[in-house]
Amino acid sequence: MKRVYLIRHGLPDFPQGQRMCLGRTDLPLSATGLAQARDMAASLPPVSAVFSSPLQRALQTARAIGSPIVVEDLQELFAGDWDGLLFSEIQQRYPELYAARGITPGLPLPNGESDESGLHRFSLAMKRAAAMAYGDFAVVSHGGVIRLFLRSLGAQPRKPAYAEVVPLIYEHGTFILQEEIPHA
């Protein structure tokens, strides 16, 4: 049995503080995000390995814990034509789809990665990380793929907060959801 700490990266440094659809857009952490990462890392039990998405916001969060092993497939869902756009721009360019996604979040984005494809990619990456770690380990990734993964484990569909730790157990090739650790 291995304990797994699945972690969403800290708050990104959004340009001019305006929220945007990140997907694979590669932003670093904000000052708040760096503080969130330090606080999270200070409260985390020791781990044998830290795995991270290659995107800056995840890598910076992972480095607060230790020296990360980069795993490409831990990246966020590719948001296609929406990737890197401000939400106000998306609402103007795609008003009907924007409104519909407010009701049904899993609707596909124009030229984006499907939830099914992203979940499959991420799940395989999680299993590779589990096979590589010799003990308890941490995985730092992104809200969208974490939400899909947790839902596949039977959790209520929700995106974890920035720098939130979701504890799992990995045993006999299966991930099991544990109680979530509240995080500030």
N, C-alpha and C. Protein backbone atom coordinates (compact mmCIF):
# COMPACT_ATOMS: atom_id res chain seq x y z
N MET A 1 0.84 -1.18 0.00
CA MET A 1 0.00 0.00 0.00
C MET A 1 0.89 1.25 0.00
N LYS A 2 0.52 2.21 -0.84
CA LYS A 2 1.22 3.49 -0.89
C LYS A 2 0.19 4.60 -0.66
N ARG A 3 0.59 5.60 0.10
CA ARG A 3 -0.23 6.80 0.23
C ARG A 3 0.14 7.73 -0.91
N VAL A 4 -0.87 8.32 -1.50
CA VAL A 4 -0.68 9.21 -2.64
C VAL A 4 -1.30 10.55 -2.28
N TYR A 5 -0.55 11.61 -2.51
CA TYR A 5 -1.05 12.96 -2.25
C TYR A 5 -1.20 13.65 -3.60
N LEU A 6 -2.44 13.72 -4.05
CA LEU A 6 -2.76 14.35 -5.34
C LEU A 6 -3.01 15.83 -5.06
N ILE A 7 -2.25 16.69 -5.72
CA ILE A 7 -2.23 18.11 -5.38
C ILE A 7 -2.48 18.96 -6.62
N ARG A 8 -3.40 19.91 -6.47
CA ARG A 8 -3.56 20.92 -7.52
C ARG A 8 -2.53 22.02 -7.28
N HIS A 9 -1.95 22.53 -8.33
CA HIS A 9 -0.96 23.61 -8.24
C HIS A 9 -1.53 24.84 -7.53
N GLY A 10 -0.65 25.73 -7.11
CA GLY A 10 -1.05 27.00 -6.49
C GLY A 10 -1.63 27.97 -7.51
N LEU A 11 -2.08 29.11 -7.01
CA LEU A 11 -2.71 30.14 -7.84
C LEU A 11 -1.74 30.67 -8.89
N PRO A 12 -2.12 30.61 -10.18
CA PRO A 12 -1.25 31.14 -11.23
C PRO A 12 -1.19 32.67 -11.22
N ASP A 13 -0.20 33.19 -11.88
CA ASP A 13 -0.04 34.63 -12.04
C ASP A 13 -0.79 35.05 -13.31
N PHE A 14 -2.09 35.30 -13.16
CA PHE A 14 -2.91 35.68 -14.30
C PHE A 14 -2.52 37.07 -14.78
N PRO A 15 -2.36 37.28 -16.09
CA PRO A 15 -2.01 38.61 -16.61
C PRO A 15 -3.05 39.65 -16.18
N GLN A 16 -2.59 40.75 -15.64
CA GLN A 16 -3.44 41.82 -15.12
C GLN A 16 -4.50 41.29 -14.15
N GLY A 17 -4.24 40.15 -13.55
CA GLY A 17 -5.16 39.58 -12.57
C GLY A 17 -6.47 39.08 -13.13
N GLN A 18 -6.57 38.98 -14.47
CA GLN A 18 -7.81 38.54 -15.11
C GLN A 18 -7.79 37.03 -15.32
N ARG A 19 -8.82 36.37 -14.86
CA ARG A 19 -8.92 34.91 -14.98
C ARG A 19 -9.04 34.51 -16.45
N MET A 20 -8.43 33.40 -16.76
CA MET A 20 -8.43 32.92 -18.14
C MET A 20 -8.52 31.41 -18.17
N CYS A 21 -8.81 30.89 -19.35
CA CYS A 21 -8.86 29.45 -19.57
C CYS A 21 -7.42 28.99 -19.80
N LEU A 22 -6.86 28.31 -18.81
CA LEU A 22 -5.45 27.96 -18.91
C LEU A 22 -5.19 26.74 -19.77
N GLY A 23 -5.79 25.62 -19.48
CA GLY A 23 -5.43 24.43 -20.25
C GLY A 23 -3.93 24.27 -20.26
N ARG A 24 -3.33 24.31 -21.44
CA ARG A 24 -1.88 24.14 -21.58
C ARG A 24 -1.13 25.46 -21.61
N THR A 25 -1.85 26.59 -21.47
CA THR A 25 -1.18 27.88 -21.38
C THR A 25 -0.28 27.84 -20.15
N ASP A 26 0.98 28.19 -20.34
CA ASP A 26 2.00 27.94 -19.32
C ASP A 26 2.32 29.20 -18.52
N LEU A 27 1.57 29.41 -17.44
CA LEU A 27 1.80 30.56 -16.56
C LEU A 27 2.53 30.10 -15.29
N PRO A 28 3.38 30.97 -14.74
CA PRO A 28 4.02 30.66 -13.45
C PRO A 28 3.03 30.92 -12.31
N LEU A 29 3.45 30.60 -11.10
CA LEU A 29 2.63 30.90 -9.93
C LEU A 29 2.72 32.38 -9.59
N SER A 30 1.66 32.89 -9.01
CA SER A 30 1.66 34.24 -8.45
C SER A 30 2.36 34.20 -7.09
N ALA A 31 2.56 35.35 -6.48
CA ALA A 31 3.13 35.39 -5.13
C ALA A 31 2.25 34.61 -4.17
N THR A 32 0.95 34.75 -4.32
CA THR A 32 0.01 33.98 -3.48
C THR A 32 0.17 32.49 -3.74
N GLY A 33 0.29 32.10 -5.00
CA GLY A 33 0.47 30.70 -5.36
C GLY A 33 1.74 30.10 -4.77
N LEU A 34 2.83 30.89 -4.78
CA LEU A 34 4.09 30.42 -4.17
C LEU A 34 3.92 30.21 -2.67
N ALA A 35 3.21 31.12 -2.01
CA ALA A 35 2.95 30.98 -0.57
C ALA A 35 2.06 29.76 -0.31
N GLN A 36 1.06 29.56 -1.16
CA GLN A 36 0.19 28.37 -1.02
C GLN A 36 1.02 27.09 -1.13
N ALA A 37 1.94 27.06 -2.10
CA ALA A 37 2.78 25.88 -2.32
C ALA A 37 3.66 25.63 -1.09
N ARG A 38 4.27 26.67 -0.55
CA ARG A 38 5.13 26.51 0.64
C ARG A 38 4.31 26.00 1.83
N ASP A 39 3.13 26.59 2.04
CA ASP A 39 2.28 26.17 3.16
C ASP A 39 1.84 24.72 3.00
N MET A 40 1.43 24.36 1.79
CA MET A 40 1.01 22.98 1.53
C MET A 40 2.16 22.02 1.79
N ALA A 41 3.34 22.34 1.27
CA ALA A 41 4.50 21.46 1.41
C ALA A 41 4.88 21.29 2.88
N ALA A 42 4.76 22.34 3.67
CA ALA A 42 5.12 22.27 5.09
C ALA A 42 4.20 21.33 5.86
N SER A 43 2.97 21.16 5.38
CA SER A 43 2.01 20.31 6.10
C SER A 43 1.95 18.88 5.54
N LEU A 44 2.67 18.62 4.45
CA LEU A 44 2.62 17.32 3.80
C LEU A 44 3.54 16.33 4.51
N PRO A 45 3.09 15.10 4.72
CA PRO A 45 3.99 14.08 5.27
C PRO A 45 5.13 13.80 4.29
N PRO A 46 6.23 13.20 4.76
CA PRO A 46 7.35 12.88 3.86
C PRO A 46 6.90 11.92 2.74
N VAL A 47 7.49 12.12 1.56
CA VAL A 47 7.18 11.27 0.40
C VAL A 47 8.49 10.78 -0.23
N SER A 48 8.40 9.65 -0.92
CA SER A 48 9.57 9.08 -1.58
C SER A 48 9.83 9.71 -2.94
N ALA A 49 8.79 10.31 -3.53
CA ALA A 49 8.93 10.91 -4.86
C ALA A 49 7.84 11.97 -5.06
N VAL A 50 8.16 12.93 -5.93
CA VAL A 50 7.21 13.97 -6.32
C VAL A 50 7.15 13.96 -7.83
N PHE A 51 5.95 13.75 -8.37
CA PHE A 51 5.73 13.76 -9.81
C PHE A 51 4.97 15.02 -10.17
N SER A 52 5.28 15.58 -11.34
CA SER A 52 4.66 16.85 -11.71
C SER A 52 4.39 16.93 -13.20
N SER A 53 3.34 17.65 -13.52
CA SER A 53 3.10 18.11 -14.88
C SER A 53 4.28 19.00 -15.26
N PRO A 54 4.60 19.11 -16.56
CA PRO A 54 5.71 19.96 -16.97
C PRO A 54 5.37 21.46 -16.98
N LEU A 55 4.11 21.82 -16.79
CA LEU A 55 3.74 23.23 -16.84
C LEU A 55 4.26 23.96 -15.60
N GLN A 56 4.71 25.21 -15.79
CA GLN A 56 5.38 25.98 -14.73
C GLN A 56 4.63 26.00 -13.41
N ARG A 57 3.33 26.24 -13.46
CA ARG A 57 2.56 26.38 -12.21
C ARG A 57 2.59 25.10 -11.39
N ALA A 58 2.60 23.95 -12.06
CA ALA A 58 2.69 22.67 -11.35
C ALA A 58 4.13 22.41 -10.88
N LEU A 59 5.10 22.67 -11.74
CA LEU A 59 6.50 22.46 -11.37
C LEU A 59 6.90 23.31 -10.17
N GLN A 60 6.50 24.56 -10.15
CA GLN A 60 6.85 25.43 -9.02
C GLN A 60 6.21 24.90 -7.73
N THR A 61 5.00 24.42 -7.83
CA THR A 61 4.32 23.85 -6.66
C THR A 61 5.05 22.60 -6.21
N ALA A 62 5.41 21.73 -7.14
CA ALA A 62 6.10 20.49 -6.82
C ALA A 62 7.47 20.75 -6.20
N ARG A 63 8.17 21.77 -6.67
CA ARG A 63 9.51 22.07 -6.13
C ARG A 63 9.46 22.49 -4.67
N ALA A 64 8.31 22.96 -4.22
CA ALA A 64 8.17 23.29 -2.78
C ALA A 64 8.25 22.02 -1.93
N ILE A 65 7.93 20.88 -2.53
CA ILE A 65 7.95 19.59 -1.83
C ILE A 65 9.31 18.92 -1.96
N GLY A 66 9.88 18.94 -3.15
CA GLY A 66 11.15 18.27 -3.41
C GLY A 66 11.52 18.40 -4.87
N SER A 67 12.42 17.54 -5.34
CA SER A 67 12.84 17.55 -6.74
C SER A 67 11.86 16.72 -7.56
N PRO A 68 11.08 17.37 -8.41
CA PRO A 68 10.03 16.64 -9.13
C PRO A 68 10.54 15.83 -10.31
N ILE A 69 9.83 14.75 -10.57
CA ILE A 69 10.00 13.96 -11.78
C ILE A 69 8.89 14.41 -12.71
N VAL A 70 9.27 14.92 -13.87
CA VAL A 70 8.28 15.46 -14.81
C VAL A 70 7.64 14.33 -15.60
N VAL A 71 6.32 14.33 -15.63
CA VAL A 71 5.55 13.35 -16.39
C VAL A 71 4.62 14.13 -17.32
N GLU A 72 4.90 14.08 -18.62
CA GLU A 72 4.16 14.87 -19.62
C GLU A 72 2.64 14.68 -19.50
N ASP A 73 2.21 13.46 -19.31
CA ASP A 73 0.77 13.17 -19.34
C ASP A 73 0.02 13.60 -18.09
N LEU A 74 0.70 14.26 -17.15
CA LEU A 74 0.01 14.86 -16.00
C LEU A 74 -0.46 16.27 -16.32
N GLN A 75 -0.27 16.72 -17.56
CA GLN A 75 -0.71 18.05 -17.96
C GLN A 75 -2.23 18.20 -17.89
N GLU A 76 -2.65 19.45 -17.88
CA GLU A 76 -4.07 19.79 -17.89
C GLU A 76 -4.68 19.40 -19.23
N LEU A 77 -6.00 19.32 -19.26
CA LEU A 77 -6.72 19.11 -20.52
C LEU A 77 -6.36 20.22 -21.49
N PHE A 78 -6.20 19.89 -22.75
CA PHE A 78 -5.97 20.92 -23.76
C PHE A 78 -7.31 21.57 -24.07
N ALA A 79 -7.38 22.88 -23.90
CA ALA A 79 -8.65 23.60 -24.05
C ALA A 79 -8.90 24.10 -25.48
N GLY A 80 -8.11 23.63 -26.44
CA GLY A 80 -8.36 23.96 -27.84
C GLY A 80 -8.39 25.45 -28.10
N ASP A 81 -9.42 25.89 -28.81
CA ASP A 81 -9.53 27.30 -29.21
C ASP A 81 -9.70 28.24 -28.01
N TRP A 82 -10.08 27.70 -26.87
CA TRP A 82 -10.28 28.53 -25.67
C TRP A 82 -8.98 28.72 -24.88
N ASP A 83 -8.00 27.88 -25.12
CA ASP A 83 -6.76 27.90 -24.34
C ASP A 83 -6.09 29.27 -24.41
N GLY A 84 -5.86 29.87 -23.24
CA GLY A 84 -5.19 31.16 -23.17
C GLY A 84 -6.08 32.36 -23.31
N LEU A 85 -7.37 32.17 -23.55
CA LEU A 85 -8.29 33.30 -23.68
C LEU A 85 -8.85 33.69 -22.32
N LEU A 86 -9.06 35.00 -22.14
CA LEU A 86 -9.76 35.47 -20.94
C LEU A 86 -11.19 34.96 -21.00
N PHE A 87 -11.79 34.71 -19.84
CA PHE A 87 -13.17 34.23 -19.83
C PHE A 87 -14.12 35.26 -20.45
N SER A 88 -13.80 36.55 -20.31
CA SER A 88 -14.63 37.57 -20.95
C SER A 88 -14.55 37.46 -22.48
N GLU A 89 -13.39 37.11 -23.02
CA GLU A 89 -13.24 36.91 -24.47
C GLU A 89 -14.03 35.67 -24.92
N ILE A 90 -13.95 34.62 -24.14
CA ILE A 90 -14.67 33.38 -24.47
C ILE A 90 -16.17 33.65 -24.51
N GLN A 91 -16.65 34.38 -23.51
CA GLN A 91 -18.08 34.69 -23.44
C GLN A 91 -18.52 35.51 -24.65
N GLN A 92 -17.68 36.39 -25.14
CA GLN A 92 -18.01 37.19 -26.32
C GLN A 92 -17.95 36.37 -27.61
N ARG A 93 -16.93 35.54 -27.76
CA ARG A 93 -16.74 34.77 -28.99
C ARG A 93 -17.62 33.54 -29.10
N TYR A 94 -17.92 32.92 -27.96
CA TYR A 94 -18.67 31.66 -27.93
C TYR A 94 -19.82 31.74 -26.92
N PRO A 95 -20.74 32.70 -27.08
CA PRO A 95 -21.76 32.92 -26.03
C PRO A 95 -22.63 31.70 -25.76
N GLU A 96 -23.05 30.98 -26.79
CA GLU A 96 -23.95 29.84 -26.57
C GLU A 96 -23.22 28.68 -25.88
N LEU A 97 -22.03 28.36 -26.36
CA LEU A 97 -21.27 27.26 -25.74
C LEU A 97 -20.84 27.65 -24.32
N TYR A 98 -20.46 28.89 -24.12
CA TYR A 98 -20.07 29.36 -22.79
C TYR A 98 -21.22 29.17 -21.80
N ALA A 99 -22.42 29.58 -22.20
CA ALA A 99 -23.60 29.42 -21.34
C ALA A 99 -23.92 27.94 -21.12
N ALA A 100 -23.84 27.13 -22.18
CA ALA A 100 -24.15 25.71 -22.08
C ALA A 100 -23.16 24.99 -21.16
N ARG A 101 -21.87 25.38 -21.20
CA ARG A 101 -20.87 24.75 -20.33
C ARG A 101 -21.08 25.14 -18.87
N GLY A 102 -21.76 26.24 -18.62
CA GLY A 102 -22.11 26.60 -17.26
C GLY A 102 -23.10 25.61 -16.67
N ILE A 103 -23.89 24.98 -17.53
CA ILE A 103 -24.90 24.00 -17.11
C ILE A 103 -24.32 22.58 -17.20
N THR A 104 -23.59 22.30 -18.29
CA THR A 104 -23.01 20.98 -18.53
C THR A 104 -21.51 21.15 -18.76
N PRO A 105 -20.69 21.14 -17.66
CA PRO A 105 -19.27 21.44 -17.79
C PRO A 105 -18.48 20.52 -18.71
N GLY A 106 -18.94 19.31 -18.96
CA GLY A 106 -18.19 18.36 -19.78
C GLY A 106 -18.36 18.53 -21.28
N LEU A 107 -19.12 19.54 -21.71
CA LEU A 107 -19.28 19.73 -23.16
C LEU A 107 -17.91 19.99 -23.79
N PRO A 108 -17.65 19.38 -24.95
CA PRO A 108 -16.33 19.55 -25.57
C PRO A 108 -16.08 20.99 -26.01
N LEU A 109 -14.81 21.38 -25.91
CA LEU A 109 -14.39 22.71 -26.37
C LEU A 109 -13.96 22.62 -27.82
N PRO A 110 -14.13 23.69 -28.58
CA PRO A 110 -13.71 23.66 -29.99
C PRO A 110 -12.22 23.30 -30.12
N ASN A 111 -11.96 22.21 -30.81
CA ASN A 111 -10.60 21.71 -31.05
C ASN A 111 -9.87 21.33 -29.77
N GLY A 112 -10.60 21.08 -28.70
CA GLY A 112 -9.99 20.73 -27.42
C GLY A 112 -9.96 19.23 -27.20
N GLU A 113 -9.29 18.84 -26.14
CA GLU A 113 -9.18 17.44 -25.75
C GLU A 113 -10.47 17.03 -25.04
N SER A 114 -10.97 15.85 -25.35
CA SER A 114 -12.20 15.38 -24.70
C SER A 114 -11.90 14.96 -23.26
N ASP A 115 -12.92 15.00 -22.41
CA ASP A 115 -12.76 14.54 -21.04
C ASP A 115 -12.30 13.09 -21.01
N GLU A 116 -12.86 12.26 -21.87
CA GLU A 116 -12.51 10.84 -21.90
C GLU A 116 -11.03 10.64 -22.23
N SER A 117 -10.54 11.37 -23.23
CA SER A 117 -9.15 11.26 -23.62
C SER A 117 -8.22 11.76 -22.50
N GLY A 118 -8.58 12.90 -21.92
CA GLY A 118 -7.77 13.46 -20.84
C GLY A 118 -7.72 12.55 -19.62
N LEU A 119 -8.86 11.98 -19.26
CA LEU A 119 -8.91 11.08 -18.11
C LEU A 119 -8.08 9.83 -18.38
N HIS A 120 -8.17 9.27 -19.58
CA HIS A 120 -7.39 8.08 -19.92
C HIS A 120 -5.89 8.39 -19.82
N ARG A 121 -5.46 9.48 -20.41
CA ARG A 121 -4.06 9.89 -20.39
C ARG A 121 -3.58 10.08 -18.95
N PHE A 122 -4.35 10.81 -18.16
CA PHE A 122 -3.98 11.11 -16.78
C PHE A 122 -3.95 9.84 -15.93
N SER A 123 -4.93 8.97 -16.09
CA SER A 123 -4.99 7.72 -15.31
C SER A 123 -3.77 6.85 -15.57
N LEU A 124 -3.36 6.74 -16.83
CA LEU A 124 -2.16 5.97 -17.15
C LEU A 124 -0.91 6.60 -16.53
N ALA A 125 -0.85 7.94 -16.53
CA ALA A 125 0.29 8.63 -15.93
C ALA A 125 0.33 8.39 -14.42
N MET A 126 -0.83 8.38 -13.78
CA MET A 126 -0.90 8.11 -12.34
C MET A 126 -0.38 6.69 -12.04
N LYS A 127 -0.76 5.73 -12.86
CA LYS A 127 -0.31 4.35 -12.65
C LYS A 127 1.20 4.23 -12.88
N ARG A 128 1.74 4.96 -13.87
CA ARG A 128 3.19 4.96 -14.09
C ARG A 128 3.91 5.55 -12.88
N ALA A 129 3.37 6.64 -12.34
CA ALA A 129 3.97 7.25 -11.15
C ALA A 129 3.96 6.27 -9.99
N ALA A 130 2.84 5.59 -9.79
CA ALA A 130 2.73 4.62 -8.70
C ALA A 130 3.74 3.49 -8.86
N ALA A 131 3.97 3.06 -10.09
CA ALA A 131 4.94 1.99 -10.34
C ALA A 131 6.36 2.46 -10.09
N MET A 132 6.65 3.73 -10.32
CA MET A 132 8.00 4.27 -10.15
C MET A 132 8.33 4.58 -8.69
N ALA A 133 7.34 4.95 -7.90
CA ALA A 133 7.57 5.35 -6.51
C ALA A 133 7.79 4.11 -5.64
N TYR A 134 8.79 4.15 -4.78
CA TYR A 134 9.03 3.00 -3.90
C TYR A 134 8.30 3.13 -2.57
N GLY A 135 7.65 4.25 -2.34
CA GLY A 135 6.88 4.47 -1.12
C GLY A 135 5.79 5.49 -1.39
N ASP A 136 5.34 6.16 -0.35
CA ASP A 136 4.33 7.20 -0.50
C ASP A 136 4.85 8.27 -1.45
N PHE A 137 3.95 8.87 -2.22
CA PHE A 137 4.39 9.85 -3.21
C PHE A 137 3.36 10.95 -3.42
N ALA A 138 3.81 12.05 -4.01
CA ALA A 138 2.95 13.19 -4.33
C ALA A 138 2.89 13.35 -5.84
N VAL A 139 1.74 13.82 -6.32
CA VAL A 139 1.54 14.15 -7.73
C VAL A 139 0.96 15.55 -7.79
N VAL A 140 1.62 16.44 -8.52
CA VAL A 140 1.14 17.81 -8.67
C VAL A 140 0.65 17.99 -10.09
N SER A 141 -0.60 18.38 -10.21
CA SER A 141 -1.20 18.50 -11.53
C SER A 141 -2.21 19.66 -11.54
N HIS A 142 -3.28 19.48 -12.29
CA HIS A 142 -4.19 20.58 -12.61
C HIS A 142 -5.64 20.24 -12.29
N GLY A 143 -6.42 21.28 -12.05
CA GLY A 143 -7.79 21.12 -11.60
C GLY A 143 -8.69 20.30 -12.50
N GLY A 144 -8.62 20.50 -13.80
CA GLY A 144 -9.52 19.79 -14.71
C GLY A 144 -9.30 18.29 -14.72
N VAL A 145 -8.04 17.87 -14.87
CA VAL A 145 -7.76 16.42 -14.92
C VAL A 145 -7.93 15.78 -13.54
N ILE A 146 -7.62 16.53 -12.49
CA ILE A 146 -7.84 15.99 -11.14
C ILE A 146 -9.33 15.78 -10.91
N ARG A 147 -10.14 16.74 -11.32
CA ARG A 147 -11.61 16.62 -11.17
C ARG A 147 -12.11 15.36 -11.87
N LEU A 148 -11.66 15.12 -13.09
CA LEU A 148 -12.08 13.93 -13.84
C LEU A 148 -11.61 12.64 -13.15
N PHE A 149 -10.38 12.65 -12.68
CA PHE A 149 -9.83 11.47 -12.02
C PHE A 149 -10.58 11.15 -10.74
N LEU A 150 -10.84 12.15 -9.93
CA LEU A 150 -11.56 11.94 -8.67
C LEU A 150 -12.98 11.45 -8.94
N ARG A 151 -13.61 12.00 -9.97
CA ARG A 151 -14.95 11.53 -10.34
C ARG A 151 -14.91 10.06 -10.73
N SER A 152 -13.84 9.64 -11.42
CA SER A 152 -13.72 8.23 -11.81
C SER A 152 -13.54 7.32 -10.60
N LEU A 153 -13.12 7.90 -9.47
CA LEU A 153 -12.96 7.13 -8.23
C LEU A 153 -14.22 7.18 -7.36
N GLY A 154 -15.26 7.86 -7.84
CA GLY A 154 -16.52 7.92 -7.12
C GLY A 154 -16.75 9.19 -6.32
N ALA A 155 -15.85 10.16 -6.42
CA ALA A 155 -16.02 11.42 -5.69
C ALA A 155 -17.05 12.30 -6.39
N GLN A 156 -17.59 13.24 -5.63
CA GLN A 156 -18.47 14.24 -6.22
C GLN A 156 -17.65 15.08 -7.20
N PRO A 157 -18.22 15.41 -8.37
CA PRO A 157 -17.43 16.20 -9.33
C PRO A 157 -17.21 17.63 -8.85
N ARG A 158 -15.96 17.93 -8.58
CA ARG A 158 -15.57 19.29 -8.20
C ARG A 158 -14.09 19.47 -8.48
N LYS A 159 -13.72 20.69 -8.75
CA LYS A 159 -12.32 21.00 -8.98
C LYS A 159 -11.70 21.37 -7.63
N PRO A 160 -10.60 20.73 -7.23
CA PRO A 160 -9.98 21.09 -5.96
C PRO A 160 -9.51 22.54 -5.95
N ALA A 161 -9.41 23.12 -4.77
CA ALA A 161 -8.90 24.47 -4.61
C ALA A 161 -7.41 24.50 -4.95
N TYR A 162 -6.88 25.69 -5.17
CA TYR A 162 -5.45 25.83 -5.44
C TYR A 162 -4.65 25.30 -4.25
N ALA A 163 -3.65 24.50 -4.53
CA ALA A 163 -2.75 23.88 -3.55
C ALA A 163 -3.46 22.94 -2.60
N GLU A 164 -4.62 22.45 -2.98
CA GLU A 164 -5.34 21.49 -2.16
C GLU A 164 -4.73 20.10 -2.33
N VAL A 165 -4.64 19.38 -1.24
CA VAL A 165 -4.11 18.01 -1.22
C VAL A 165 -5.30 17.05 -1.09
N VAL A 166 -5.37 16.09 -2.01
CA VAL A 166 -6.39 15.04 -1.94
C VAL A 166 -5.67 13.73 -1.70
N PRO A 167 -5.83 13.14 -0.50
CA PRO A 167 -5.13 11.89 -0.20
C PRO A 167 -5.82 10.67 -0.81
N LEU A 168 -5.01 9.82 -1.38
CA LEU A 168 -5.47 8.57 -1.98
C LEU A 168 -4.63 7.43 -1.41
N ILE A 169 -5.10 6.23 -1.63
CA ILE A 169 -4.32 5.02 -1.36
C ILE A 169 -4.15 4.32 -2.71
N TYR A 170 -2.96 3.77 -2.93
CA TYR A 170 -2.74 2.95 -4.12
C TYR A 170 -2.38 1.56 -3.62
N GLU A 171 -3.24 0.60 -3.96
CA GLU A 171 -3.06 -0.76 -3.49
C GLU A 171 -3.56 -1.74 -4.55
N HIS A 172 -2.75 -2.74 -4.84
CA HIS A 172 -3.11 -3.78 -5.81
C HIS A 172 -3.57 -3.19 -7.15
N GLY A 173 -2.85 -2.15 -7.61
CA GLY A 173 -3.14 -1.56 -8.91
C GLY A 173 -4.36 -0.65 -8.95
N THR A 174 -4.88 -0.29 -7.77
CA THR A 174 -6.11 0.53 -7.72
C THR A 174 -5.90 1.74 -6.81
N PHE A 175 -6.41 2.88 -7.26
CA PHE A 175 -6.42 4.09 -6.43
C PHE A 175 -7.73 4.13 -5.67
N ILE A 176 -7.65 4.49 -4.38
CA ILE A 176 -8.82 4.57 -3.52
C ILE A 176 -8.84 5.96 -2.89
N LEU A 177 -9.97 6.63 -2.99
CA LEU A 177 -10.12 7.97 -2.43
C LEU A 177 -10.22 7.90 -0.92
N GLN A 178 -9.46 8.76 -0.24
CA GLN A 178 -9.52 8.90 1.21
C GLN A 178 -10.22 10.22 1.54
N GLU A 179 -10.38 10.51 2.82
CA GLU A 179 -10.95 11.79 3.19
C GLU A 179 -10.02 12.89 2.72
N GLU A 180 -10.60 14.01 2.28
CA GLU A 180 -9.79 15.11 1.80
C GLU A 180 -9.26 15.92 2.96
N ILE A 181 -8.03 16.43 2.80
CA ILE A 181 -7.39 17.27 3.80
C ILE A 181 -7.79 18.71 3.48
N PRO A 182 -8.48 19.40 4.40
CA PRO A 182 -8.81 20.80 4.11
C PRO A 182 -7.53 21.63 4.02
N HIS A 183 -7.54 22.59 3.13
CA HIS A 183 -6.37 23.43 2.92
C HIS A 183 -6.76 24.88 2.81
N ALA A 184 -5.96 25.74 3.36
CA ALA A 184 -6.23 27.18 3.28
C ALA A 184 -5.75 27.73 1.96
